[in-house]
Amino acid sequence: MNAETPTAESAAPPTAKRRHRPEKQVEITDPKAIRALAHAARLEVISELYSTQVSRTATELAAQTGLTPSAMSYHLRALQKWGIVVPAATAGDARERRWQAAGTDFTIHSLGAGAAPELAVLDLELDAYRRRVLAYAKARNERREGGETGDGPSAVVLASNLLYLTPDQRAELTRRVFDLLRDYELEDPDRVPEGAERMATMWSMIPDDRGPAAAKPVAKPAVQPAAEPAGGGT
């Protein structure tokens, strides 16, 4: 299912060189830390800093999330406590601290915790994505009312699929998707290619065991004994 069907673009400008970065995984397993993430502003900060790999000030992040700089500073210090963000080197005006991601990738893993607090975080992530969609729709409508036409091909893409995957296939698909996304990361996040537009992406995979079809794997055929050769044995 596609919200808008992508079409081929002609005369596309050359893309920038993609980043071959050293990987540093930040994995959160402490249930207290996971619960501390269950705040929309904190999740937006994590998304911004980890996705762009660019340092930001509390004032810059506050403007993006709609908070005051002092409130954003509080959330940044909370994220620092759990090793999710760290202070960054200051360039130029040193009056305000800059913050950056503590690594290149961020994962939440409950290690089987009964309350599964990461599900609350997932709910907030979906809310954050919904806010992006509504903001885009509002801006698009304002542009159309001002006489602008169209947003170009594949401005919005939404796809949904149902697959039957073994555990090994799930792991392989996850790895291949993340590898593909990394191919489109900028070599230098501060140098955006001409004509490029910032795009928000979300990829998810979750078991769907509703309905009888999901609970009835196809049985393997029984092994049949070998036929006796014609004429009997010796």
Protein backbone atom coordinates (compact mmCIF):
# COMPACT_ATOMS: atom_id res chain seq x y z
CA MET A 1 0.00 0.00 0.00
CA ASN A 2 1.48 3.33 -1.05
CA ALA A 3 0.24 6.73 0.07
CA GLU A 4 1.75 8.21 -3.06
CA THR A 5 3.19 6.01 -5.75
CA PRO A 6 6.88 6.73 -6.43
CA THR A 7 7.75 7.56 -10.01
CA ALA A 8 11.04 7.82 -11.83
CA GLU A 9 12.88 11.11 -11.58
CA SER A 10 14.81 12.45 -14.55
CA ALA A 11 18.11 14.31 -14.51
CA ALA A 12 18.68 13.67 -10.82
CA PRO A 13 21.64 15.62 -9.40
CA PRO A 14 24.67 13.58 -8.32
CA THR A 15 24.44 12.42 -4.72
CA ALA A 16 27.02 13.18 -2.06
CA LYS A 17 29.53 10.56 -0.98
CA ARG A 18 28.04 8.35 1.69
CA ARG A 19 29.62 7.98 5.11
CA HIS A 20 31.64 4.89 6.02
CA ARG A 21 31.49 5.40 9.75
CA PRO A 22 32.93 3.42 12.65
CA GLU A 23 30.05 1.67 14.38
CA LYS A 24 29.36 2.32 18.06
CA GLN A 25 26.19 0.70 19.32
CA VAL A 26 24.41 2.19 22.34
CA GLU A 27 22.08 -0.45 23.77
CA ILE A 28 19.68 0.30 26.61
CA THR A 29 18.67 -2.72 28.71
CA ASP A 30 17.97 -1.26 32.17
CA PRO A 31 14.17 -1.06 32.67
CA LYS A 32 14.62 2.20 34.60
CA ALA A 33 16.52 3.71 31.67
CA ILE A 34 13.85 2.50 29.24
CA ARG A 35 11.12 4.08 31.34
CA ALA A 36 13.14 7.30 31.43
CA LEU A 37 12.91 7.37 27.63
CA ALA A 38 9.11 7.33 27.68
CA HIS A 39 8.88 11.04 26.94
CA ALA A 40 8.16 12.45 23.50
CA ALA A 41 10.77 15.23 23.68
CA ARG A 42 13.53 12.83 24.74
CA LEU A 43 12.74 10.49 21.87
CA GLU A 44 12.84 13.38 19.40
CA VAL A 45 16.25 14.38 20.76
CA ILE A 46 17.54 10.82 20.34
CA SER A 47 16.17 10.66 16.80
CA GLU A 48 17.72 14.01 15.89
CA LEU A 49 21.18 13.40 17.36
CA TYR A 50 21.58 9.77 16.29
CA SER A 51 20.13 10.21 12.81
CA THR A 52 22.11 13.33 11.90
CA GLN A 53 25.27 12.66 13.95
CA VAL A 54 25.50 16.45 14.34
CA SER A 55 25.81 18.23 17.67
CA ARG A 56 23.01 20.56 18.80
CA THR A 57 22.47 23.04 21.62
CA ALA A 58 19.59 22.85 24.07
CA THR A 59 18.15 25.97 22.43
CA GLU A 60 18.20 24.37 18.97
CA LEU A 61 16.58 21.18 20.22
CA ALA A 62 14.02 23.14 22.24
CA ALA A 63 12.91 25.01 19.13
CA GLN A 64 12.41 21.70 17.33
CA THR A 65 10.38 20.08 20.12
CA GLY A 66 8.42 23.11 21.35
CA LEU A 67 10.00 23.17 24.82
CA THR A 68 11.87 25.93 26.63
CA PRO A 69 15.69 25.75 26.57
CA SER A 70 15.75 25.16 30.35
CA ALA A 71 13.31 22.24 30.07
CA MET A 72 15.36 20.80 27.21
CA SER A 73 18.56 21.10 29.27
CA TYR A 74 16.87 19.03 31.98
CA HIS A 75 15.98 16.28 29.49
CA LEU A 76 19.50 16.30 28.02
CA ARG A 77 21.05 15.84 31.45
CA ALA A 78 18.69 12.90 32.05
CA LEU A 79 19.76 11.32 28.76
CA GLN A 80 23.41 11.92 29.70
CA LYS A 81 22.86 10.06 32.98
CA TRP A 82 21.97 6.91 31.07
CA GLY A 83 24.85 7.27 28.59
CA ILE A 84 22.63 8.14 25.62
CA VAL A 85 24.00 11.62 24.85
CA VAL A 86 27.29 13.27 25.76
CA PRO A 87 28.63 16.83 25.73
CA ALA A 88 30.17 17.77 22.37
CA ALA A 89 33.13 19.94 21.48
CA THR A 90 32.20 23.61 21.31
CA ALA A 91 33.05 25.62 18.21
CA GLY A 92 32.72 29.39 17.99
CA ASP A 93 30.35 30.75 20.61
CA ALA A 94 31.05 28.74 23.77
CA ARG A 95 28.30 30.29 25.87
CA GLU A 96 25.99 27.30 25.42
CA ARG A 97 26.90 23.63 25.69
CA ARG A 98 26.51 21.44 22.65
CA TRP A 99 25.30 17.84 22.83
CA GLN A 100 25.84 14.84 20.59
CA ALA A 101 24.85 11.19 20.36
CA ALA A 102 26.94 8.82 22.47
CA GLY A 103 27.20 6.43 19.51
CA THR A 104 26.19 5.79 15.92
CA ASP A 105 23.26 3.45 16.59
CA PHE A 106 20.72 3.22 19.36
CA THR A 107 18.74 0.14 20.46
CA ILE A 108 16.24 -0.60 23.21
CA HIS A 109 16.23 -4.17 24.47
CA SER A 110 14.26 -5.26 27.55
CA LEU A 111 16.01 -8.66 27.94
CA GLY A 112 12.65 -10.26 28.70
CA ALA A 113 11.48 -7.74 31.31
CA GLY A 114 7.88 -8.57 32.20
CA ALA A 115 6.51 -5.05 31.85
CA ALA A 116 8.07 -4.61 28.39
CA PRO A 117 8.58 -0.85 28.93
CA GLU A 118 9.96 -0.47 25.41
CA LEU A 119 6.38 -0.83 24.15
CA ALA A 120 5.55 2.48 25.82
CA VAL A 121 8.52 3.99 24.01
CA LEU A 122 7.24 2.53 20.74
CA ASP A 123 3.89 4.21 21.31
CA LEU A 124 5.61 7.56 21.71
CA GLU A 125 7.68 6.94 18.58
CA LEU A 126 4.48 6.38 16.64
CA ASP A 127 3.05 9.60 18.07
CA ALA A 128 6.19 11.48 17.02
CA TYR A 129 5.87 10.11 13.50
CA ARG A 130 2.19 11.09 13.44
CA ARG A 131 3.17 14.65 14.41
CA ARG A 132 5.62 14.75 11.50
CA VAL A 133 2.88 13.61 9.14
CA LEU A 134 0.43 16.24 10.40
CA ALA A 135 3.06 18.99 10.20
CA TYR A 136 3.90 17.99 6.63
CA ALA A 137 0.22 17.89 5.64
CA LYS A 138 -0.34 21.35 7.12
CA ALA A 139 2.68 22.84 5.35
CA ARG A 140 1.68 21.19 2.06
CA ASN A 141 -1.85 22.58 2.27
CA GLU A 142 -0.48 26.05 2.97
CA ARG A 143 1.79 25.80 -0.08
CA ARG A 144 -1.11 24.68 -2.25
CA GLU A 145 -3.27 27.55 -1.01
CA GLY A 146 -0.43 29.87 -1.96
CA GLY A 147 -0.49 28.60 -5.53
CA GLU A 148 2.32 26.04 -5.43
CA THR A 149 1.58 22.75 -7.16
CA GLY A 150 2.91 19.33 -6.27
CA ASP A 151 5.70 18.13 -4.01
CA GLY A 152 7.57 16.05 -6.57
CA PRO A 153 7.50 12.28 -7.01
CA SER A 154 7.61 10.00 -3.96
CA ALA A 155 7.33 12.87 -1.49
CA VAL A 156 5.44 10.52 0.85
CA VAL A 157 5.72 6.75 0.79
CA LEU A 158 3.86 4.33 3.04
CA ALA A 159 4.19 0.61 2.53
CA SER A 160 2.88 -2.35 4.52
CA ASN A 161 3.60 -6.04 3.97
CA LEU A 162 2.82 -9.35 5.66
CA LEU A 163 5.61 -11.91 5.45
CA TYR A 164 6.27 -15.41 6.82
CA LEU A 165 9.84 -15.46 8.12
CA THR A 166 11.97 -17.89 10.07
CA PRO A 167 14.10 -16.45 12.91
CA ASP A 168 17.14 -16.51 10.64
CA GLN A 169 15.22 -14.70 7.90
CA ARG A 170 14.04 -12.04 10.36
CA ALA A 171 17.60 -11.39 11.44
CA GLU A 172 18.80 -11.27 7.83
CA LEU A 173 16.02 -8.89 6.75
CA THR A 174 16.74 -6.53 9.66
CA ARG A 175 20.45 -6.48 8.82
CA ARG A 176 19.83 -5.85 5.11
CA VAL A 177 17.38 -3.00 5.79
CA PHE A 178 19.79 -1.23 8.13
CA ASP A 179 22.69 -1.76 5.73
CA LEU A 180 20.61 -0.19 2.95
CA LEU A 181 19.70 2.82 5.10
CA ARG A 182 23.35 3.36 6.01
CA ASP A 183 24.19 3.56 2.30
CA TYR A 184 22.21 6.82 2.21
CA GLU A 185 23.91 8.50 5.17
CA LEU A 186 25.96 11.55 4.27
CA GLU A 187 29.74 11.38 4.36
CA ASP A 188 29.68 14.83 5.98
CA PRO A 189 26.40 15.61 7.81
CA ASP A 190 27.19 19.33 7.62
CA ARG A 191 27.30 19.27 3.79
CA VAL A 192 23.89 18.46 2.37
CA PRO A 193 23.77 17.94 -1.43
CA GLU A 194 21.94 20.54 -3.49
CA GLY A 195 18.28 19.65 -3.92
CA ALA A 196 18.27 17.18 -1.00
CA GLU A 197 15.37 17.34 1.43
CA ARG A 198 15.36 16.01 4.96
CA MET A 199 13.16 12.89 5.07
CA ALA A 200 11.90 11.01 8.14
CA THR A 201 11.86 7.22 7.84
CA MET A 202 10.44 4.51 10.06
CA TRP A 203 10.84 0.78 9.65
CA SER A 204 9.21 -1.79 11.88
CA MET A 205 8.72 -5.53 12.12
CA ILE A 206 6.46 -7.17 14.69
CA PRO A 207 4.92 -10.66 14.95
CA ASP A 208 1.30 -10.79 13.80
CA ASP A 209 -0.23 -14.00 15.15
CA ARG A 210 -3.85 -13.05 14.61
CA GLY A 211 -6.01 -15.48 12.68
CA PRO A 212 -5.74 -19.24 12.14
CA ALA A 213 -3.44 -18.97 9.12
CA ALA A 214 -0.56 -17.70 11.25
CA ALA A 215 -0.84 -20.63 13.65
CA LYS A 216 -0.83 -23.46 11.08
CA PRO A 217 2.61 -24.03 9.56
CA VAL A 218 2.69 -26.44 6.67
CA ALA A 219 3.73 -29.90 7.84
CA LYS A 220 6.68 -31.54 6.15
CA PRO A 221 5.71 -34.54 4.00
CA ALA A 222 6.42 -37.91 5.57
CA VAL A 223 9.41 -39.79 4.19
CA GLN A 224 8.21 -42.70 2.04
CA PRO A 225 10.11 -46.03 2.12
CA ALA A 226 12.05 -46.88 -0.99
CA ALA A 227 10.15 -49.11 -3.47
CA GLU A 228 11.23 -52.69 -3.88
CA PRO A 229 12.88 -53.31 -7.24
CA ALA A 230 10.79 -55.27 -9.75
CA GLY A 231 11.26 -59.02 -9.48
CA GLY A 232 11.95 -59.08 -5.75
CA GLY A 233 15.24 -59.33 -3.88
CA THR A 234 18.03 -61.84 -4.09
